[in-house]
């Protein structure tokens, strides 16, 4: 059942003209007050499955850009809501 739904999504995506495909908006989350900008952005380490504050540039296993859905599902929402959300250009 799951494979069938996945195939339907893939087929629908493939049939959609490239110009009509929308990428989800992504955001950086950063601390409102920081000493060093290079360590003020929320990062997710996919290998360790842990969050940390580091630079706003993703590389390797570090994810620095988040969709709104990912932000809404982050742990500790009370704290997350204190972070500044910057739209990725």
C-alpha atoms as a PDB file:
ATOM      1  CA  UNK A   1       0.000   0.000   0.000  1.00  0.00           C
ATOM      2  CA  UNK A   2       2.775   2.429   0.933  1.00  0.00           C
ATOM      3  CA  UNK A   3       4.725   1.639  -2.257  1.00  0.00           C
ATOM      4  CA  UNK A   4       1.653   2.380  -4.354  1.00  0.00           C
ATOM      5  CA  UNK A   5       1.142   5.799  -2.734  1.00  0.00           C
ATOM      6  CA  UNK A   6       4.815   6.583  -3.194  1.00  0.00           C
ATOM      7  CA  UNK A   7       4.619   5.653  -6.873  1.00  0.00           C
ATOM      8  CA  UNK A   8       1.573   7.887  -7.344  1.00  0.00           C
ATOM      9  CA  UNK A   9       3.441  10.813  -5.793  1.00  0.00           C
ATOM     10  CA  UNK A  10       6.484  10.193  -7.988  1.00  0.00           C
ATOM     11  CA  UNK A  11       4.407   9.858 -11.156  1.00  0.00           C
ATOM     12  CA  UNK A  12       2.467  13.043 -10.357  1.00  0.00           C
ATOM     13  CA  UNK A  13       5.703  14.899  -9.683  1.00  0.00           C
ATOM     14  CA  UNK A  14       7.248  13.640 -12.933  1.00  0.00           C
ATOM     15  CA  UNK A  15       4.169  14.744 -14.897  1.00  0.00           C
ATOM     16  CA  UNK A  16       4.286  18.258 -13.440  1.00  0.00           C
ATOM     17  CA  UNK A  17       6.213  20.651 -15.693  1.00  0.00           C
ATOM     18  CA  UNK A  18       9.461  21.798 -14.087  1.00  0.00           C
ATOM     19  CA  UNK A  19       8.366  25.449 -14.075  1.00  0.00           C
ATOM     20  CA  UNK A  20       5.264  24.532 -12.066  1.00  0.00           C
ATOM     21  CA  UNK A  21       7.059  22.527  -9.380  1.00  0.00           C
ATOM     22  CA  UNK A  22       7.371  24.345  -6.098  1.00  0.00           C
ATOM     23  CA  UNK A  23      10.159  23.745  -3.669  1.00  0.00           C
ATOM     24  CA  UNK A  24       9.118  24.188  -0.052  1.00  0.00           C
ATOM     25  CA  UNK A  25      10.298  27.430   1.526  1.00  0.00           C
ATOM     26  CA  UNK A  26      13.249  26.945   3.840  1.00  0.00           C
ATOM     27  CA  UNK A  27      14.431  28.902   6.832  1.00  0.00           C
ATOM     28  CA  UNK A  28      17.443  29.317   9.068  1.00  0.00           C
ATOM     29  CA  UNK A  29      16.843  29.465  12.809  1.00  0.00           C
ATOM     30  CA  UNK A  30      19.283  31.536  14.833  1.00  0.00           C
ATOM     31  CA  UNK A  31      19.729  32.757  18.342  1.00  0.00           C
ATOM     32  CA  UNK A  32      18.398  36.286  18.919  1.00  0.00           C
ATOM     33  CA  UNK A  33      21.445  37.350  20.938  1.00  0.00           C
ATOM     34  CA  UNK A  34      24.844  35.923  20.148  1.00  0.00           C
ATOM     35  CA  UNK A  35      28.514  36.689  20.597  1.00  0.00           C
ATOM     36  CA  UNK A  36      29.666  34.957  17.428  1.00  0.00           C
ATOM     37  CA  UNK A  37      27.457  34.803  14.361  1.00  0.00           C
ATOM     38  CA  UNK A  38      29.420  31.743  13.242  1.00  0.00           C
ATOM     39  CA  UNK A  39      27.898  29.711  16.072  1.00  0.00           C
ATOM     40  CA  UNK A  40      24.389  31.130  16.297  1.00  0.00           C
ATOM     41  CA  UNK A  41      22.487  28.995  13.772  1.00  0.00           C
ATOM     42  CA  UNK A  42      20.577  25.846  14.624  1.00  0.00           C
ATOM     43  CA  UNK A  43      22.097  22.791  12.978  1.00  0.00           C
ATOM     44  CA  UNK A  44      20.958  19.185  12.903  1.00  0.00           C
ATOM     45  CA  UNK A  45      23.610  16.493  12.800  1.00  0.00           C
ATOM     46  CA  UNK A  46      22.054  13.621  10.841  1.00  0.00           C
ATOM     47  CA  UNK A  47      24.662  11.098  11.996  1.00  0.00           C
ATOM     48  CA  UNK A  48      24.418  11.823  15.730  1.00  0.00           C
ATOM     49  CA  UNK A  49      20.731  12.811  15.476  1.00  0.00           C
ATOM     50  CA  UNK A  50      21.442  15.821  17.682  1.00  0.00           C
ATOM     51  CA  UNK A  51      20.904  19.565  17.414  1.00  0.00           C
ATOM     52  CA  UNK A  52      23.606  22.152  18.024  1.00  0.00           C
ATOM     53  CA  UNK A  53      24.398  25.787  17.255  1.00  0.00           C
ATOM     54  CA  UNK A  54      27.015  26.380  14.626  1.00  0.00           C
ATOM     55  CA  UNK A  55      27.424  28.382  11.422  1.00  0.00           C
ATOM     56  CA  UNK A  56      24.670  28.983   8.890  1.00  0.00           C
ATOM     57  CA  UNK A  57      26.316  26.874   6.215  1.00  0.00           C
ATOM     58  CA  UNK A  58      25.368  23.249   5.832  1.00  0.00           C
ATOM     59  CA  UNK A  59      27.899  20.667   4.830  1.00  0.00           C
ATOM     60  CA  UNK A  60      28.136  16.931   5.044  1.00  0.00           C
ATOM     61  CA  UNK A  61      25.815  15.653   7.724  1.00  0.00           C
ATOM     62  CA  UNK A  62      24.834  19.103   9.050  1.00  0.00           C
ATOM     63  CA  UNK A  63      21.438  20.488   8.116  1.00  0.00           C
ATOM     64  CA  UNK A  64      21.032  24.239   8.584  1.00  0.00           C
ATOM     65  CA  UNK A  65      17.916  24.916   6.504  1.00  0.00           C
ATOM     66  CA  UNK A  66      14.502  23.751   7.674  1.00  0.00           C
ATOM     67  CA  UNK A  67      11.033  23.720   6.128  1.00  0.00           C
ATOM     68  CA  UNK A  68       8.145  25.071   8.187  1.00  0.00           C
ATOM     69  CA  UNK A  69       6.926  21.513   8.697  1.00  0.00           C
ATOM     70  CA  UNK A  70      10.334  20.500  10.063  1.00  0.00           C
ATOM     71  CA  UNK A  71      10.350  23.553  12.351  1.00  0.00           C
ATOM     72  CA  UNK A  72       6.886  22.684  13.643  1.00  0.00           C
ATOM     73  CA  UNK A  73       8.115  19.176  14.494  1.00  0.00           C
ATOM     74  CA  UNK A  74      11.317  20.180  16.269  1.00  0.00           C
ATOM     75  CA  UNK A  75      11.563  19.233  19.939  1.00  0.00           C
ATOM     76  CA  UNK A  76      11.242  21.883  22.663  1.00  0.00           C
ATOM     77  CA  UNK A  77       8.874  24.195  20.773  1.00  0.00           C
ATOM     78  CA  UNK A  78       8.858  26.733  23.597  1.00  0.00           C
ATOM     79  CA  UNK A  79      12.564  27.362  22.965  1.00  0.00           C
ATOM     80  CA  UNK A  80      12.275  27.077  19.161  1.00  0.00           C
ATOM     81  CA  UNK A  81       9.743  29.910  19.141  1.00  0.00           C
ATOM     82  CA  UNK A  82      12.339  32.230  20.703  1.00  0.00           C
ATOM     83  CA  UNK A  83      14.702  31.770  17.734  1.00  0.00           C
ATOM     84  CA  UNK A  84      14.787  34.180  14.809  1.00  0.00           C
ATOM     85  CA  UNK A  85      13.511  32.650  11.591  1.00  0.00           C
ATOM     86  CA  UNK A  86      15.308  33.870   8.457  1.00  0.00           C
ATOM     87  CA  UNK A  87      14.044  32.958   5.005  1.00  0.00           C
ATOM     88  CA  UNK A  88      16.639  31.285   2.797  1.00  0.00           C
ATOM     89  CA  UNK A  89      17.239  33.377  -0.325  1.00  0.00           C
END
